[in-house]
Amino acid sequence: MRGRRRAGPLPGQTVKAYVKLTEGHGLTREDLAEFLRDKLSPIEIPKHLEIRDELPKTMIGKLSRKALLEEEEARRSDRQAPRD
């Protein structure tokens, strides 16, 4: 089927949740994980959680998934780079 998004991560990828907290809320990753355990089944809980100050946006104000993927790829390549 053309034009349909694939449900779930591509092979070799895992699910990661990016969270921007409302001003004044001081949740930790552990607090958020505990909240999700009460709401979701174990298979639905993201393996990785990242609390951010800002989320990248497109020119029209939507979440930029492309920018998030590019950031993750850059982090991955930095971790895999040989160290002297």
PDB file of N, CA and C in Angstrom:
ATOM      1  N   MET A   1       0.826  -1.183   0.000  1.00  0.00           N
ATOM      2  CA  MET A   1       0.000   0.000   0.000  1.00  0.00           C
ATOM      3  C   MET A   1       0.867   1.242   0.000  1.00  0.00           C
ATOM      4  N   ARG A   2       0.607   2.095  -0.931  1.00  0.00           N
ATOM      5  CA  ARG A   2       1.373   3.330  -1.000  1.00  0.00           C
ATOM      6  C   ARG A   2       0.796   4.386  -0.076  1.00  0.00           C
ATOM      7  N   GLY A   3       1.691   5.214   0.479  1.00  0.00           N
ATOM      8  CA  GLY A   3       1.241   6.332   1.274  1.00  0.00           C
ATOM      9  C   GLY A   3       0.886   6.018   2.720  1.00  0.00           C
ATOM     10  N   ARG A   4       0.932   4.771   3.110  1.00  0.00           N
ATOM     11  CA  ARG A   4       0.606   4.435   4.508  1.00  0.00           C
ATOM     12  C   ARG A   4       1.883   4.354   5.314  1.00  0.00           C
ATOM     13  N   ARG A   5       1.809   4.861   6.513  1.00  0.00           N
ATOM     14  CA  ARG A   5       2.961   4.764   7.412  1.00  0.00           C
ATOM     15  C   ARG A   5       3.009   3.378   8.016  1.00  0.00           C
ATOM     16  N   ARG A   6       4.196   2.906   8.188  1.00  0.00           N
ATOM     17  CA  ARG A   6       4.399   1.615   8.822  1.00  0.00           C
ATOM     18  C   ARG A   6       4.232   1.777  10.324  1.00  0.00           C
ATOM     19  N   ALA A   7       3.496   0.882  10.935  1.00  0.00           N
ATOM     20  CA  ALA A   7       3.326   0.920  12.384  1.00  0.00           C
ATOM     21  C   ALA A   7       4.552   0.314  13.043  1.00  0.00           C
ATOM     22  N   GLY A   8       5.119   1.026  13.993  1.00  0.00           N
ATOM     23  CA  GLY A   8       6.264   0.496  14.723  1.00  0.00           C
ATOM     24  C   GLY A   8       7.580   0.881  14.083  1.00  0.00           C
ATOM     25  N   PRO A   9       8.668   0.574  14.780  1.00  0.00           N
ATOM     26  CA  PRO A   9       9.991   0.951  14.300  1.00  0.00           C
ATOM     27  C   PRO A   9      10.432   0.092  13.122  1.00  0.00           C
ATOM     28  N   LEU A  10      11.360   0.626  12.345  1.00  0.00           N
ATOM     29  CA  LEU A  10      11.982  -0.131  11.269  1.00  0.00           C
ATOM     30  C   LEU A  10      12.950  -1.133  11.867  1.00  0.00           C
ATOM     31  N   PRO A  11      13.351  -2.153  11.110  1.00  0.00           N
ATOM     32  CA  PRO A  11      14.334  -3.107  11.633  1.00  0.00           C
ATOM     33  C   PRO A  11      15.588  -2.379  12.130  1.00  0.00           C
ATOM     34  N   GLY A  12      16.051  -2.749  13.302  1.00  0.00           N
ATOM     35  CA  GLY A  12      17.232  -2.129  13.892  1.00  0.00           C
ATOM     36  C   GLY A  12      16.927  -0.887  14.711  1.00  0.00           C
ATOM     37  N   GLN A  13      15.682  -0.463  14.742  1.00  0.00           N
ATOM     38  CA  GLN A  13      15.298   0.716  15.522  1.00  0.00           C
ATOM     39  C   GLN A  13      14.494   0.275  16.741  1.00  0.00           C
ATOM     40  N   THR A  14      14.494   1.120  17.762  1.00  0.00           N
ATOM     41  CA  THR A  14      13.638   0.900  18.927  1.00  0.00           C
ATOM     42  C   THR A  14      12.797   2.155  19.128  1.00  0.00           C
ATOM     43  N   VAL A  15      11.756   2.026  19.909  1.00  0.00           N
ATOM     44  CA  VAL A  15      10.875   3.160  20.176  1.00  0.00           C
ATOM     45  C   VAL A  15      11.488   4.031  21.269  1.00  0.00           C
ATOM     46  N   LYS A  16      11.462   5.335  21.026  1.00  0.00           N
ATOM     47  CA  LYS A  16      11.954   6.296  22.007  1.00  0.00           C
ATOM     48  C   LYS A  16      10.915   7.397  22.125  1.00  0.00           C
ATOM     49  N   ALA A  17      10.586   7.783  23.342  1.00  0.00           N
ATOM     50  CA  ALA A  17       9.633   8.864  23.572  1.00  0.00           C
ATOM     51  C   ALA A  17      10.399  10.131  23.925  1.00  0.00           C
ATOM     52  N   TYR A  18      10.037  11.213  23.258  1.00  0.00           N
ATOM     53  CA  TYR A  18      10.576  12.529  23.556  1.00  0.00           C
ATOM     54  C   TYR A  18       9.472  13.298  24.262  1.00  0.00           C
ATOM     55  N   VAL A  19       9.787  13.861  25.420  1.00  0.00           N
ATOM     56  CA  VAL A  19       8.772  14.508  26.232  1.00  0.00           C
ATOM     57  C   VAL A  19       9.211  15.930  26.557  1.00  0.00           C
ATOM     58  N   LYS A  20       8.291  16.866  26.318  1.00  0.00           N
ATOM     59  CA  LYS A  20       8.501  18.248  26.749  1.00  0.00           C
ATOM     60  C   LYS A  20       7.489  18.508  27.849  1.00  0.00           C
ATOM     61  N   LEU A  21       7.985  18.782  29.045  1.00  0.00           N
ATOM     62  CA  LEU A  21       7.104  18.995  30.188  1.00  0.00           C
ATOM     63  C   LEU A  21       6.510  20.396  30.160  1.00  0.00           C
ATOM     64  N   THR A  22       5.302  20.505  30.678  1.00  0.00           N
ATOM     65  CA  THR A  22       4.673  21.801  30.857  1.00  0.00           C
ATOM     66  C   THR A  22       5.451  22.559  31.922  1.00  0.00           C
ATOM     67  N   GLU A  23       5.596  23.835  31.720  1.00  0.00           N
ATOM     68  CA  GLU A  23       6.358  24.652  32.668  1.00  0.00           C
ATOM     69  C   GLU A  23       5.836  24.461  34.087  1.00  0.00           C
ATOM     70  N   GLY A  24       6.759  24.263  35.020  1.00  0.00           N
ATOM     71  CA  GLY A  24       6.383  24.094  36.410  1.00  0.00           C
ATOM     72  C   GLY A  24       6.270  22.639  36.848  1.00  0.00           C
ATOM     73  N   HIS A  25       6.318  21.706  35.915  1.00  0.00           N
ATOM     74  CA  HIS A  25       6.260  20.292  36.268  1.00  0.00           C
ATOM     75  C   HIS A  25       7.678  19.742  36.344  1.00  0.00           C
ATOM     76  N   GLY A  26       7.972  19.029  37.395  1.00  0.00           N
ATOM     77  CA  GLY A  26       9.313  18.519  37.615  1.00  0.00           C
ATOM     78  C   GLY A  26       9.393  17.010  37.599  1.00  0.00           C
ATOM     79  N   LEU A  27       8.802  16.382  36.601  1.00  0.00           N
ATOM     80  CA  LEU A  27       8.890  14.921  36.518  1.00  0.00           C
ATOM     81  C   LEU A  27      10.289  14.471  36.140  1.00  0.00           C
ATOM     82  N   THR A  28      10.690  13.332  36.663  1.00  0.00           N
ATOM     83  CA  THR A  28      11.928  12.704  36.239  1.00  0.00           C
ATOM     84  C   THR A  28      11.581  11.600  35.244  1.00  0.00           C
ATOM     85  N   ARG A  29      12.591  11.035  34.600  1.00  0.00           N
ATOM     86  CA  ARG A  29      12.356   9.908  33.689  1.00  0.00           C
ATOM     87  C   ARG A  29      11.742   8.745  34.440  1.00  0.00           C
ATOM     88  N   GLU A  30      12.166   8.532  35.690  1.00  0.00           N
ATOM     89  CA  GLU A  30      11.637   7.441  36.496  1.00  0.00           C
ATOM     90  C   GLU A  30      10.154   7.659  36.814  1.00  0.00           C
ATOM     91  N   ASP A  31       9.790   8.907  37.148  1.00  0.00           N
ATOM     92  CA  ASP A  31       8.379   9.239  37.396  1.00  0.00           C
ATOM     93  C   ASP A  31       7.534   8.964  36.158  1.00  0.00           C
ATOM     94  N   LEU A  32       8.052   9.376  35.018  1.00  0.00           N
ATOM     95  CA  LEU A  32       7.326   9.190  33.764  1.00  0.00           C
ATOM     96  C   LEU A  32       7.188   7.704  33.427  1.00  0.00           C
ATOM     97  N   ALA A  33       8.252   6.944  33.618  1.00  0.00           N
ATOM     98  CA  ALA A  33       8.201   5.497  33.357  1.00  0.00           C
ATOM     99  C   ALA A  33       7.175   4.820  34.264  1.00  0.00           C
ATOM    100  N   GLU A  34       7.133   5.225  35.526  1.00  0.00           N
ATOM    101  CA  GLU A  34       6.155   4.654  36.455  1.00  0.00           C
ATOM    102  C   GLU A  34       4.725   5.006  36.032  1.00  0.00           C
ATOM    103  N   PHE A  35       4.512   6.243  35.610  1.00  0.00           N
ATOM    104  CA  PHE A  35       3.196   6.659  35.124  1.00  0.00           C
ATOM    105  C   PHE A  35       2.782   5.809  33.921  1.00  0.00           C
ATOM    106  N   LEU A  36       3.704   5.598  32.997  1.00  0.00           N
ATOM    107  CA  LEU A  36       3.387   4.805  31.798  1.00  0.00           C
ATOM    108  C   LEU A  36       3.098   3.349  32.136  1.00  0.00           C
ATOM    109  N   ARG A  37       3.794   2.803  33.129  1.00  0.00           N
ATOM    110  CA  ARG A  37       3.545   1.408  33.529  1.00  0.00           C
ATOM    111  C   ARG A  37       2.118   1.221  34.017  1.00  0.00           C
ATOM    112  N   ASP A  38       1.555   2.274  34.618  1.00  0.00           N
ATOM    113  CA  ASP A  38       0.171   2.211  35.091  1.00  0.00           C
ATOM    114  C   ASP A  38      -0.841   2.352  33.953  1.00  0.00           C
ATOM    115  N   LYS A  39      -0.436   2.918  32.824  1.00  0.00           N
ATOM    116  CA  LYS A  39      -1.359   3.222  31.732  1.00  0.00           C
ATOM    117  C   LYS A  39      -1.224   2.295  30.519  1.00  0.00           C
ATOM    118  N   LEU A  40      -0.039   1.731  30.300  1.00  0.00           N
ATOM    119  CA  LEU A  40       0.231   0.962  29.087  1.00  0.00           C
ATOM    120  C   LEU A  40       0.632  -0.467  29.418  1.00  0.00           C
ATOM    121  N   SER A  41       0.471  -1.340  28.454  1.00  0.00           N
ATOM    122  CA  SER A  41       0.963  -2.703  28.630  1.00  0.00           C
ATOM    123  C   SER A  41       2.488  -2.684  28.494  1.00  0.00           C
ATOM    124  N   PRO A  42       3.182  -3.676  29.044  1.00  0.00           N
ATOM    125  CA  PRO A  42       4.649  -3.668  28.996  1.00  0.00           C
ATOM    126  C   PRO A  42       5.219  -3.547  27.584  1.00  0.00           C
ATOM    127  N   ILE A  43       4.557  -4.122  26.615  1.00  0.00           N
ATOM    128  CA  ILE A  43       5.088  -4.066  25.246  1.00  0.00           C
ATOM    129  C   ILE A  43       4.938  -2.674  24.625  1.00  0.00           C
ATOM    130  N   GLU A  44       4.027  -1.861  25.141  1.00  0.00           N
ATOM    131  CA  GLU A  44       3.794  -0.521  24.598  1.00  0.00           C
ATOM    132  C   GLU A  44       4.697   0.548  25.204  1.00  0.00           C
ATOM    133  N   ILE A  45       5.343   0.258  26.300  1.00  0.00           N
ATOM    134  CA  ILE A  45       6.172   1.254  26.982  1.00  0.00           C
ATOM    135  C   ILE A  45       7.459   1.473  26.191  1.00  0.00           C
ATOM    136  N   PRO A  46       7.780   2.721  25.857  1.00  0.00           N
ATOM    137  CA  PRO A  46       9.020   2.994  25.124  1.00  0.00           C
ATOM    138  C   PRO A  46      10.240   2.533  25.911  1.00  0.00           C
ATOM    139  N   LYS A  47      11.194   1.967  25.208  1.00  0.00           N
ATOM    140  CA  LYS A  47      12.416   1.504  25.869  1.00  0.00           C
ATOM    141  C   LYS A  47      13.282   2.683  26.316  1.00  0.00           C
ATOM    142  N   HIS A  48      13.143   3.806  25.631  1.00  0.00           N
ATOM    143  CA  HIS A  48      13.951   4.981  25.946  1.00  0.00           C
ATOM    144  C   HIS A  48      13.041   6.193  26.101  1.00  0.00           C
ATOM    145  N   LEU A  49      13.315   6.991  27.124  1.00  0.00           N
ATOM    146  CA  LEU A  49      12.576   8.227  27.372  1.00  0.00           C
ATOM    147  C   LEU A  49      13.568   9.377  27.456  1.00  0.00           C
ATOM    148  N   GLU A  50      13.259  10.466  26.795  1.00  0.00           N
ATOM    149  CA  GLU A  50      14.128  11.637  26.860  1.00  0.00           C
ATOM    150  C   GLU A  50      13.277  12.860  27.155  1.00  0.00           C
ATOM    151  N   ILE A  51      13.561  13.525  28.269  1.00  0.00           N
ATOM    152  CA  ILE A  51      12.873  14.762  28.621  1.00  0.00           C
ATOM    153  C   ILE A  51      13.699  15.907  28.046  1.00  0.00           C
ATOM    154  N   ARG A  52      13.036  16.748  27.267  1.00  0.00           N
ATOM    155  CA  ARG A  52      13.717  17.834  26.563  1.00  0.00           C
ATOM    156  C   ARG A  52      13.091  19.174  26.936  1.00  0.00           C
ATOM    157  N   ASP A  53      13.901  20.237  26.800  1.00  0.00           N
ATOM    158  CA  ASP A  53      13.386  21.584  27.012  1.00  0.00           C
ATOM    159  C   ASP A  53      12.516  22.016  25.832  1.00  0.00           C
ATOM    160  N   GLU A  54      12.899  21.617  24.647  1.00  0.00           N
ATOM    161  CA  GLU A  54      12.171  21.967  23.429  1.00  0.00           C
ATOM    162  C   GLU A  54      12.156  20.778  22.488  1.00  0.00           C
ATOM    163  N   LEU A  55      11.143  20.729  21.634  1.00  0.00           N
ATOM    164  CA  LEU A  55      11.060  19.729  20.578  1.00  0.00           C
ATOM    165  C   LEU A  55      11.204  20.448  19.242  1.00  0.00           C
ATOM    166  N   PRO A  56      11.943  19.869  18.292  1.00  0.00           N
ATOM    167  CA  PRO A  56      12.114  20.547  17.002  1.00  0.00           C
ATOM    168  C   PRO A  56      10.784  20.612  16.249  1.00  0.00           C
ATOM    169  N   LYS A  57      10.572  21.730  15.579  1.00  0.00           N
ATOM    170  CA  LYS A  57       9.331  21.947  14.833  1.00  0.00           C
ATOM    171  C   LYS A  57       9.650  22.204  13.361  1.00  0.00           C
ATOM    172  N   THR A  58       8.679  21.886  12.522  1.00  0.00           N
ATOM    173  CA  THR A  58       8.787  22.217  11.108  1.00  0.00           C
ATOM    174  C   THR A  58       8.423  23.691  10.940  1.00  0.00           C
ATOM    175  N   MET A  59       8.524  24.193   9.700  1.00  0.00           N
ATOM    176  CA  MET A  59       8.197  25.591   9.441  1.00  0.00           C
ATOM    177  C   MET A  59       6.735  25.918   9.752  1.00  0.00           C
ATOM    178  N   ILE A  60       5.863  24.910   9.697  1.00  0.00           N
ATOM    179  CA  ILE A  60       4.448  25.182   9.986  1.00  0.00           C
ATOM    180  C   ILE A  60       4.068  24.824  11.422  1.00  0.00           C
ATOM    181  N   GLY A  61       5.062  24.476  12.245  1.00  0.00           N
ATOM    182  CA  GLY A  61       4.810  24.284  13.665  1.00  0.00           C
ATOM    183  C   GLY A  61       4.534  22.862  14.117  1.00  0.00           C
ATOM    184  N   LYS A  62       4.653  21.893  13.207  1.00  0.00           N
ATOM    185  CA  LYS A  62       4.449  20.496  13.603  1.00  0.00           C
ATOM    186  C   LYS A  62       5.759  19.910  14.126  1.00  0.00           C
ATOM    187  N   LEU A  63       5.654  18.831  14.883  1.00  0.00           N
ATOM    188  CA  LEU A  63       6.844  18.134  15.367  1.00  0.00           C
ATOM    189  C   LEU A  63       7.670  17.660  14.175  1.00  0.00           C
ATOM    190  N   SER A  64       8.966  17.916  14.209  1.00  0.00           N
ATOM    191  CA  SER A  64       9.851  17.497  13.126  1.00  0.00           C
ATOM    192  C   SER A  64      10.482  16.151  13.473  1.00  0.00           C
ATOM    193  N   ARG A  65       9.847  15.096  13.008  1.00  0.00           N
ATOM    194  CA  ARG A  65      10.397  13.753  13.233  1.00  0.00           C
ATOM    195  C   ARG A  65      11.734  13.602  12.526  1.00  0.00           C
ATOM    196  N   LYS A  66      11.852  14.239  11.373  1.00  0.00           N
ATOM    197  CA  LYS A  66      13.108  14.177  10.618  1.00  0.00           C
ATOM    198  C   LYS A  66      14.266  14.730  11.446  1.00  0.00           C
ATOM    199  N   ALA A  67      14.057  15.872  12.105  1.00  0.00           N
ATOM    200  CA  ALA A  67      15.108  16.470  12.934  1.00  0.00           C
ATOM    201  C   ALA A  67      15.466  15.556  14.104  1.00  0.00           C
ATOM    202  N   LEU A  68      14.465  14.919  14.715  1.00  0.00           N
ATOM    203  CA  LEU A  68      14.738  13.991  15.818  1.00  0.00           C
ATOM    204  C   LEU A  68      15.563  12.801  15.334  1.00  0.00           C
ATOM    205  N   LEU A  69      15.205  12.244  14.176  1.00  0.00           N
ATOM    206  CA  LEU A  69      15.972  11.122  13.624  1.00  0.00           C
ATOM    207  C   LEU A  69      17.404  11.533  13.304  1.00  0.00           C
ATOM    208  N   GLU A  70      17.570  12.730  12.741  1.00  0.00           N
ATOM    209  CA  GLU A  70      18.924  13.210  12.422  1.00  0.00           C
ATOM    210  C   GLU A  70      19.758  13.382  13.689  1.00  0.00           C
ATOM    211  N   GLU A  71      19.150  13.894  14.762  1.00  0.00           N
ATOM    212  CA  GLU A  71      19.861  14.033  16.038  1.00  0.00           C
ATOM    213  C   GLU A  71      20.285  12.669  16.572  1.00  0.00           C
ATOM    214  N   GLU A  72      19.389  11.683  16.500  1.00  0.00           N
ATOM    215  CA  GLU A  72      19.710  10.339  16.979  1.00  0.00           C
ATOM    216  C   GLU A  72      20.830   9.712  16.152  1.00  0.00           C
ATOM    217  N   GLU A  73      20.785   9.889  14.836  1.00  0.00           N
ATOM    218  CA  GLU A  73      21.839   9.348  13.979  1.00  0.00           C
ATOM    219  C   GLU A  73      23.182   9.993  14.298  1.00  0.00           C
ATOM    220  N   ALA A  74      23.187  11.307  14.566  1.00  0.00           N
ATOM    221  CA  ALA A  74      24.422  12.007  14.923  1.00  0.00           C
ATOM    222  C   ALA A  74      24.965  11.485  16.249  1.00  0.00           C
ATOM    223  N   ARG A  75      24.094  11.265  17.223  1.00  0.00           N
ATOM    224  CA  ARG A  75      24.537  10.709  18.521  1.00  0.00           C
ATOM    225  C   ARG A  75      25.136   9.319  18.334  1.00  0.00           C
ATOM    226  N   ARG A  76      24.454   8.508  17.523  1.00  0.00           N
ATOM    227  CA  ARG A  76      24.917   7.142  17.296  1.00  0.00           C
ATOM    228  C   ARG A  76      26.288   7.149  16.635  1.00  0.00           C
ATOM    229  N   SER A  77      26.493   8.014  15.645  1.00  0.00           N
ATOM    230  CA  SER A  77      27.789   8.056  14.967  1.00  0.00           C
ATOM    231  C   SER A  77      28.872   8.590  15.897  1.00  0.00           C
ATOM    232  N   ASP A  78      28.517   9.526  16.805  1.00  0.00           N
ATOM    233  CA  ASP A  78      29.491  10.032  17.782  1.00  0.00           C
ATOM    234  C   ASP A  78      29.916   8.916  18.740  1.00  0.00           C
ATOM    235  N   ARG A  79      28.965   8.078  19.155  1.00  0.00           N
ATOM    236  CA  ARG A  79      29.294   6.976  20.073  1.00  0.00           C
ATOM    237  C   ARG A  79      30.146   5.930  19.390  1.00  0.00           C
ATOM    238  N   GLN A  80      29.959   5.742  18.082  1.00  0.00           N
ATOM    239  CA  GLN A  80      30.674   4.694  17.366  1.00  0.00           C
ATOM    240  C   GLN A  80      32.002   5.166  16.815  1.00  0.00           C
ATOM    241  N   ALA A  81      32.266   6.459  16.867  1.00  0.00           N
ATOM    242  CA  ALA A  81      33.522   7.007  16.353  1.00  0.00           C
ATOM    243  C   ALA A  81      34.677   6.496  17.202  1.00  0.00           C
ATOM    244  N   PRO A  82      35.791   6.097  16.547  1.00  0.00           N
ATOM    245  CA  PRO A  82      36.947   5.613  17.311  1.00  0.00           C
ATOM    246  C   PRO A  82      37.547   6.731  18.154  1.00  0.00           C
ATOM    247  N   ARG A  83      37.937   6.386  19.340  1.00  0.00           N
ATOM    248  CA  ARG A  83      38.540   7.360  20.264  1.00  0.00           C
ATOM    249  C   ARG A  83      40.047   7.116  20.308  1.00  0.00           C
ATOM    250  N   ASP A  84      40.806   8.214  20.303  1.00  0.00           N
ATOM    251  CA  ASP A  84      42.267   8.106  20.364  1.00  0.00           C
ATOM    252  C   ASP A  84      42.755   8.129  21.778  1.00  0.00           C
TER     253      ASP A  84
END
